[in-house]
């Protein structure tokens, strides 16, 4: 797999694999730390996934003459 096939959103989704060791730790320990870590992983994944979505109306770099420079 080349890096051109891996979009930032897919890269963030790969980070979701970190939930596996967190859940294994949560199942093996009596404390809530593993479950808190798993919830944190889901929150971070969701934030990155939303942050890396395409922006509608992005005019950066367009050849539009409506923005004049002074």
PDB file of N, CA and C in Angstrom:
ATOM      1  N   UNK A   1       0.840  -1.163   0.000  1.00  0.00           N
ATOM      2  CA  UNK A   1       0.000   0.000   0.000  1.00  0.00           C
ATOM      3  C   UNK A   1       0.891   1.234   0.000  1.00  0.00           C
ATOM      4  N   UNK A   2       0.689   2.099  -0.967  1.00  0.00           N
ATOM      5  CA  UNK A   2       1.472   3.325  -1.031  1.00  0.00           C
ATOM      6  C   UNK A   2       0.782   4.408  -0.222  1.00  0.00           C
ATOM      7  N   UNK A   3       1.518   5.452   0.056  1.00  0.00           N
ATOM      8  CA  UNK A   3       0.950   6.523   0.862  1.00  0.00           C
ATOM      9  C   UNK A   3      -0.107   7.306   0.105  1.00  0.00           C
ATOM     10  N   UNK A   4      -0.095   7.272  -1.233  1.00  0.00           N
ATOM     11  CA  UNK A   4      -1.115   7.993  -1.978  1.00  0.00           C
ATOM     12  C   UNK A   4      -2.479   7.325  -1.845  1.00  0.00           C
ATOM     13  N   UNK A   5      -2.522   6.063  -1.498  1.00  0.00           N
ATOM     14  CA  UNK A   5      -3.784   5.373  -1.309  1.00  0.00           C
ATOM     15  C   UNK A   5      -4.354   5.573   0.093  1.00  0.00           C
ATOM     16  N   UNK A   6      -3.547   6.067   0.990  1.00  0.00           N
ATOM     17  CA  UNK A   6      -3.961   6.246   2.371  1.00  0.00           C
ATOM     18  C   UNK A   6      -4.338   7.706   2.608  1.00  0.00           C
ATOM     19  N   UNK A   7      -5.622   7.976   2.679  1.00  0.00           N
ATOM     20  CA  UNK A   7      -6.091   9.329   2.935  1.00  0.00           C
ATOM     21  C   UNK A   7      -5.992   9.617   4.431  1.00  0.00           C
ATOM     22  N   UNK A   8      -6.014  10.886   4.816  1.00  0.00           N
ATOM     23  CA  UNK A   8      -5.949  11.199   6.248  1.00  0.00           C
ATOM     24  C   UNK A   8      -7.095  10.577   7.045  1.00  0.00           C
ATOM     25  N   UNK A   9      -8.285  10.491   6.453  1.00  0.00           N
ATOM     26  CA  UNK A   9      -9.416   9.895   7.172  1.00  0.00           C
ATOM     27  C   UNK A   9      -9.193   8.397   7.376  1.00  0.00           C
ATOM     28  N   UNK A  10      -8.593   7.734   6.396  1.00  0.00           N
ATOM     29  CA  UNK A  10      -8.294   6.310   6.565  1.00  0.00           C
ATOM     30  C   UNK A  10      -7.175   6.115   7.598  1.00  0.00           C
ATOM     31  N   UNK A  11      -6.233   7.046   7.621  1.00  0.00           N
ATOM     32  CA  UNK A  11      -5.179   6.985   8.628  1.00  0.00           C
ATOM     33  C   UNK A  11      -5.731   7.138  10.032  1.00  0.00           C
ATOM     34  N   UNK A  12      -6.709   8.018  10.190  1.00  0.00           N
ATOM     35  CA  UNK A  12      -7.357   8.174  11.499  1.00  0.00           C
ATOM     36  C   UNK A  12      -8.107   6.908  11.873  1.00  0.00           C
ATOM     37  N   UNK A  13      -8.711   6.259  10.885  1.00  0.00           N
ATOM     38  CA  UNK A  13      -9.434   5.018  11.155  1.00  0.00           C
ATOM     39  C   UNK A  13      -8.477   3.910  11.605  1.00  0.00           C
ATOM     40  N   UNK A  14      -7.263   3.915  11.090  1.00  0.00           N
ATOM     41  CA  UNK A  14      -6.277   2.937  11.545  1.00  0.00           C
ATOM     42  C   UNK A  14      -5.947   3.134  13.024  1.00  0.00           C
ATOM     43  N   UNK A  15      -6.042   4.365  13.478  1.00  0.00           N
ATOM     44  CA  UNK A  15      -5.810   4.640  14.893  1.00  0.00           C
ATOM     45  C   UNK A  15      -6.845   3.983  15.789  1.00  0.00           C
ATOM     46  N   UNK A  16      -7.991   3.653  15.210  1.00  0.00           N
ATOM     47  CA  UNK A  16      -9.035   2.979  15.979  1.00  0.00           C
ATOM     48  C   UNK A  16      -8.600   1.578  16.395  1.00  0.00           C
ATOM     49  N   UNK A  17      -7.581   1.031  15.751  1.00  0.00           N
ATOM     50  CA  UNK A  17      -7.057  -0.279  16.154  1.00  0.00           C
ATOM     51  C   UNK A  17      -6.458  -0.250  17.555  1.00  0.00           C
ATOM     52  N   UNK A  18      -6.172   0.936  18.063  1.00  0.00           N
ATOM     53  CA  UNK A  18      -5.626   1.061  19.415  1.00  0.00           C
ATOM     54  C   UNK A  18      -6.643   0.643  20.467  1.00  0.00           C
ATOM     55  N   UNK A  19      -7.892   0.498  20.074  1.00  0.00           N
ATOM     56  CA  UNK A  19      -8.914   0.098  21.038  1.00  0.00           C
ATOM     57  C   UNK A  19      -8.745  -1.370  21.460  1.00  0.00           C
ATOM     58  N   UNK A  20      -8.119  -2.163  20.619  1.00  0.00           N
ATOM     59  CA  UNK A  20      -7.945  -3.592  20.922  1.00  0.00           C
ATOM     60  C   UNK A  20      -7.119  -3.802  22.191  1.00  0.00           C
ATOM     61  N   UNK A  21      -5.904  -3.239  22.295  1.00  0.00           N
ATOM     62  CA  UNK A  21      -5.160  -3.443  23.548  1.00  0.00           C
ATOM     63  C   UNK A  21      -5.834  -2.780  24.752  1.00  0.00           C
ATOM     64  N   UNK A  22      -6.556  -1.679  24.531  1.00  0.00           N
ATOM     65  CA  UNK A  22      -7.251  -1.036  25.643  1.00  0.00           C
ATOM     66  C   UNK A  22      -8.352  -1.944  26.181  1.00  0.00           C
ATOM     67  N   UNK A  23      -9.092  -2.593  25.296  1.00  0.00           N
ATOM     68  CA  UNK A  23     -10.140  -3.509  25.745  1.00  0.00           C
ATOM     69  C   UNK A  23      -9.560  -4.763  26.386  1.00  0.00           C
ATOM     70  N   UNK A  24      -8.445  -5.250  25.868  1.00  0.00           N
ATOM     71  CA  UNK A  24      -7.787  -6.411  26.484  1.00  0.00           C
ATOM     72  C   UNK A  24      -7.335  -6.052  27.895  1.00  0.00           C
ATOM     73  N   UNK A  25      -6.786  -4.860  28.055  1.00  0.00           N
ATOM     74  CA  UNK A  25      -6.379  -4.405  29.388  1.00  0.00           C
ATOM     75  C   UNK A  25      -7.596  -4.261  30.297  1.00  0.00           C
ATOM     76  N   UNK A  26      -8.697  -3.720  29.740  1.00  0.00           N
ATOM     77  CA  UNK A  26      -9.911  -3.523  30.543  1.00  0.00           C
ATOM     78  C   UNK A  26     -10.490  -4.842  31.018  1.00  0.00           C
ATOM     79  N   UNK A  27     -10.444  -5.854  30.174  1.00  0.00           N
ATOM     80  CA  UNK A  27     -10.992  -7.161  30.541  1.00  0.00           C
ATOM     81  C   UNK A  27     -10.100  -7.849  31.578  1.00  0.00           C
ATOM     82  N   UNK A  28      -8.795  -7.635  31.485  1.00  0.00           N
ATOM     83  CA  UNK A  28      -7.863  -8.314  32.385  1.00  0.00           C
ATOM     84  C   UNK A  28      -7.679  -7.651  33.729  1.00  0.00           C
ATOM     85  N   UNK A  29      -8.145  -6.433  33.917  1.00  0.00           N
ATOM     86  CA  UNK A  29      -7.956  -5.705  35.181  1.00  0.00           C
ATOM     87  C   UNK A  29      -9.305  -5.373  35.801  1.00  0.00           C
ATOM     88  N   UNK A  30      -9.379  -5.328  37.110  1.00  0.00           N
ATOM     89  CA  UNK A  30     -10.656  -5.015  37.759  1.00  0.00           C
ATOM     90  C   UNK A  30     -11.008  -3.526  37.769  1.00  0.00           C
ATOM     91  N   UNK A  31     -10.057  -2.645  37.402  1.00  0.00           N
ATOM     92  CA  UNK A  31     -10.333  -1.212  37.470  1.00  0.00           C
ATOM     93  C   UNK A  31     -11.016  -0.716  36.188  1.00  0.00           C
ATOM     94  N   UNK A  32     -11.444   0.510  36.220  1.00  0.00           N
ATOM     95  CA  UNK A  32     -12.114   1.120  35.074  1.00  0.00           C
ATOM     96  C   UNK A  32     -11.148   1.788  34.099  1.00  0.00           C
ATOM     97  N   UNK A  33      -9.863   1.745  34.371  1.00  0.00           N
ATOM     98  CA  UNK A  33      -8.885   2.462  33.557  1.00  0.00           C
ATOM     99  C   UNK A  33      -8.908   2.017  32.096  1.00  0.00           C
ATOM    100  N   UNK A  34      -9.039   0.745  31.859  1.00  0.00           N
ATOM    101  CA  UNK A  34      -9.072   0.251  30.481  1.00  0.00           C
ATOM    102  C   UNK A  34     -10.297   0.723  29.727  1.00  0.00           C
ATOM    103  N   UNK A  35     -11.430   0.777  30.403  1.00  0.00           N
ATOM    104  CA  UNK A  35     -12.657   1.247  29.758  1.00  0.00           C
ATOM    105  C   UNK A  35     -12.598   2.749  29.481  1.00  0.00           C
ATOM    106  N   UNK A  36     -12.011   3.495  30.406  1.00  0.00           N
ATOM    107  CA  UNK A  36     -11.828   4.931  30.192  1.00  0.00           C
ATOM    108  C   UNK A  36     -10.899   5.163  29.003  1.00  0.00           C
ATOM    109  N   UNK A  37      -9.845   4.384  28.910  1.00  0.00           N
ATOM    110  CA  UNK A  37      -8.924   4.495  27.779  1.00  0.00           C
ATOM    111  C   UNK A  37      -9.631   4.175  26.463  1.00  0.00           C
ATOM    112  N   UNK A  38     -10.494   3.161  26.451  1.00  0.00           N
ATOM    113  CA  UNK A  38     -11.232   2.801  25.240  1.00  0.00           C
ATOM    114  C   UNK A  38     -12.176   3.925  24.826  1.00  0.00           C
ATOM    115  N   UNK A  39     -12.838   4.538  25.785  1.00  0.00           N
ATOM    116  CA  UNK A  39     -13.725   5.668  25.471  1.00  0.00           C
ATOM    117  C   UNK A  39     -12.918   6.842  24.926  1.00  0.00           C
ATOM    118  N   UNK A  40     -11.758   7.102  25.510  1.00  0.00           N
ATOM    119  CA  UNK A  40     -10.899   8.174  25.016  1.00  0.00           C
ATOM    120  C   UNK A  40     -10.448   7.915  23.581  1.00  0.00           C
ATOM    121  N   UNK A  41     -10.145   6.684  23.258  1.00  0.00           N
ATOM    122  CA  UNK A  41      -9.737   6.339  21.899  1.00  0.00           C
ATOM    123  C   UNK A  41     -10.866   6.617  20.918  1.00  0.00           C
ATOM    124  N   UNK A  42     -12.083   6.266  21.290  1.00  0.00           N
ATOM    125  CA  UNK A  42     -13.233   6.516  20.410  1.00  0.00           C
ATOM    126  C   UNK A  42     -13.461   8.017  20.234  1.00  0.00           C
ATOM    127  N   UNK A  43     -13.330   8.783  21.299  1.00  0.00           N
ATOM    128  CA  UNK A  43     -13.508  10.236  21.205  1.00  0.00           C
ATOM    129  C   UNK A  43     -12.438  10.858  20.306  1.00  0.00           C
ATOM    130  N   UNK A  44     -11.193  10.442  20.472  1.00  0.00           N
ATOM    131  CA  UNK A  44     -10.111  10.972  19.644  1.00  0.00           C
ATOM    132  C   UNK A  44     -10.324  10.592  18.183  1.00  0.00           C
ATOM    133  N   UNK A  45     -10.716   9.331  17.926  1.00  0.00           N
ATOM    134  CA  UNK A  45     -10.977   8.908  16.556  1.00  0.00           C
ATOM    135  C   UNK A  45     -12.093   9.746  15.934  1.00  0.00           C
ATOM    136  N   UNK A  46     -13.175   9.929  16.651  1.00  0.00           N
ATOM    137  CA  UNK A  46     -14.289  10.712  16.126  1.00  0.00           C
ATOM    138  C   UNK A  46     -13.889  12.141  15.818  1.00  0.00           C
ATOM    139  N   UNK A  47     -13.095  12.735  16.691  1.00  0.00           N
ATOM    140  CA  UNK A  47     -12.636  14.103  16.481  1.00  0.00           C
ATOM    141  C   UNK A  47     -11.756  14.215  15.240  1.00  0.00           C
ATOM    142  N   UNK A  48     -10.816  13.298  15.095  1.00  0.00           N
ATOM    143  CA  UNK A  48      -9.944  13.320  13.922  1.00  0.00           C
ATOM    144  C   UNK A  48     -10.714  13.051  12.635  1.00  0.00           C
ATOM    145  N   UNK A  49     -11.664  12.138  12.694  1.00  0.00           N
ATOM    146  CA  UNK A  49     -12.445  11.800  11.507  1.00  0.00           C
ATOM    147  C   UNK A  49     -13.260  13.000  11.037  1.00  0.00           C
ATOM    148  N   UNK A  50     -13.860  13.714  11.970  1.00  0.00           N
ATOM    149  CA  UNK A  50     -14.627  14.906  11.616  1.00  0.00           C
ATOM    150  C   UNK A  50     -13.710  16.033  11.161  1.00  0.00           C
ATOM    151  N   UNK A  51     -12.584  16.205  11.817  1.00  0.00           N
ATOM    152  CA  UNK A  51     -11.665  17.284  11.470  1.00  0.00           C
ATOM    153  C   UNK A  51     -11.049  17.110  10.087  1.00  0.00           C
ATOM    154  N   UNK A  52     -10.946  15.896   9.614  1.00  0.00           N
ATOM    155  CA  UNK A  52     -10.299  15.641   8.329  1.00  0.00           C
ATOM    156  C   UNK A  52     -11.274  15.444   7.184  1.00  0.00           C
ATOM    157  N   UNK A  53     -12.527  15.812   7.384  1.00  0.00           N
ATOM    158  CA  UNK A  53     -13.474  15.692   6.278  1.00  0.00           C
ATOM    159  C   UNK A  53     -13.242  16.828   5.285  1.00  0.00           C
ATOM    160  N   UNK A  54     -13.605  16.618   4.035  1.00  0.00           N
ATOM    161  CA  UNK A  54     -13.409  17.663   3.030  1.00  0.00           C
ATOM    162  C   UNK A  54     -14.211  18.928   3.374  1.00  0.00           C
ATOM    163  N   UNK A  55     -13.629  20.070   3.049  1.00  0.00           N
ATOM    164  CA  UNK A  55     -14.263  21.347   3.328  1.00  0.00           C
ATOM    165  C   UNK A  55     -15.019  21.802   2.084  1.00  0.00           C
ATOM    166  N   UNK A  56     -16.296  22.101   2.248  1.00  0.00           N
ATOM    167  CA  UNK A  56     -17.091  22.595   1.130  1.00  0.00           C
ATOM    168  C   UNK A  56     -16.824  24.080   0.937  1.00  0.00           C
ATOM    169  N   UNK A  57     -16.775  24.505  -0.316  1.00  0.00           N
ATOM    170  CA  UNK A  57     -16.592  25.922  -0.602  1.00  0.00           C
ATOM    171  C   UNK A  57     -15.180  26.404  -0.406  1.00  0.00           C
ATOM    172  N   UNK A  58     -14.216  25.526  -0.421  1.00  0.00           N
ATOM    173  CA  UNK A  58     -12.820  25.911  -0.247  1.00  0.00           C
ATOM    174  C   UNK A  58     -12.351  26.600  -1.519  1.00  0.00           C
ATOM    175  N   UNK A  59     -12.050  27.888  -1.427  1.00  0.00           N
ATOM    176  CA  UNK A  59     -11.649  28.664  -2.601  1.00  0.00           C
ATOM    177  C   UNK A  59     -10.149  28.926  -2.632  1.00  0.00           C
ATOM    178  N   UNK A  60      -9.426  28.319  -1.754  1.00  0.00           N
ATOM    179  CA  UNK A  60      -7.981  28.534  -1.696  1.00  0.00           C
ATOM    180  C   UNK A  60      -7.324  28.048  -2.984  1.00  0.00           C
ATOM    181  N   UNK A  61      -6.590  28.926  -3.620  1.00  0.00           N
ATOM    182  CA  UNK A  61      -5.874  28.553  -4.831  1.00  0.00           C
ATOM    183  C   UNK A  61      -6.695  28.635  -6.092  1.00  0.00           C
ATOM    184  N   UNK A  62      -7.919  29.129  -6.018  1.00  0.00           N
ATOM    185  CA  UNK A  62      -8.734  29.232  -7.228  1.00  0.00           C
ATOM    186  C   UNK A  62      -8.342  30.492  -7.994  1.00  0.00           C
ATOM    187  N   UNK A  63      -8.677  30.527  -9.264  1.00  0.00           N
ATOM    188  CA  UNK A  63      -8.365  31.652 -10.128  1.00  0.00           C
ATOM    189  C   UNK A  63      -9.522  32.641 -10.207  1.00  0.00           C
ATOM    190  N   UNK A  64     -10.292  32.747  -9.162  1.00  0.00           N
ATOM    191  CA  UNK A  64     -11.453  33.624  -9.116  1.00  0.00           C
ATOM    192  C   UNK A  64     -10.988  35.070  -8.952  1.00  0.00           C
ATOM    193  N   UNK A  65     -11.526  35.993  -9.771  1.00  0.00           N
ATOM    194  CA  UNK A  65     -11.126  37.403  -9.706  1.00  0.00           C
ATOM    195  C   UNK A  65     -11.959  38.192  -8.705  1.00  0.00           C
ATOM    196  N   UNK A  66     -12.820  37.547  -7.950  1.00  0.00           N
ATOM    197  CA  UNK A  66     -13.668  38.271  -7.021  1.00  0.00           C
ATOM    198  C   UNK A  66     -12.898  38.792  -5.817  1.00  0.00           C
ATOM    199  N   UNK A  67     -11.727  38.273  -5.547  1.00  0.00           N
ATOM    200  CA  UNK A  67     -10.909  38.733  -4.417  1.00  0.00           C
ATOM    201  C   UNK A  67      -9.760  39.553  -4.964  1.00  0.00           C
ATOM    202  N   UNK A  68      -9.879  40.854  -4.816  1.00  0.00           N
ATOM    203  CA  UNK A  68      -8.830  41.741  -5.327  1.00  0.00           C
ATOM    204  C   UNK A  68      -7.798  41.997  -4.247  1.00  0.00           C
ATOM    205  N   UNK A  69      -6.554  42.068  -4.649  1.00  0.00           N
ATOM    206  CA  UNK A  69      -5.506  42.404  -3.699  1.00  0.00           C
ATOM    207  C   UNK A  69      -5.278  43.899  -3.729  1.00  0.00           C
ATOM    208  N   UNK A  70      -4.994  44.469  -2.584  1.00  0.00           N
ATOM    209  CA  UNK A  70      -4.814  45.920  -2.516  1.00  0.00           C
ATOM    210  C   UNK A  70      -3.391  46.308  -2.537  1.00  0.00           C
TER     211      UNK A  70
END
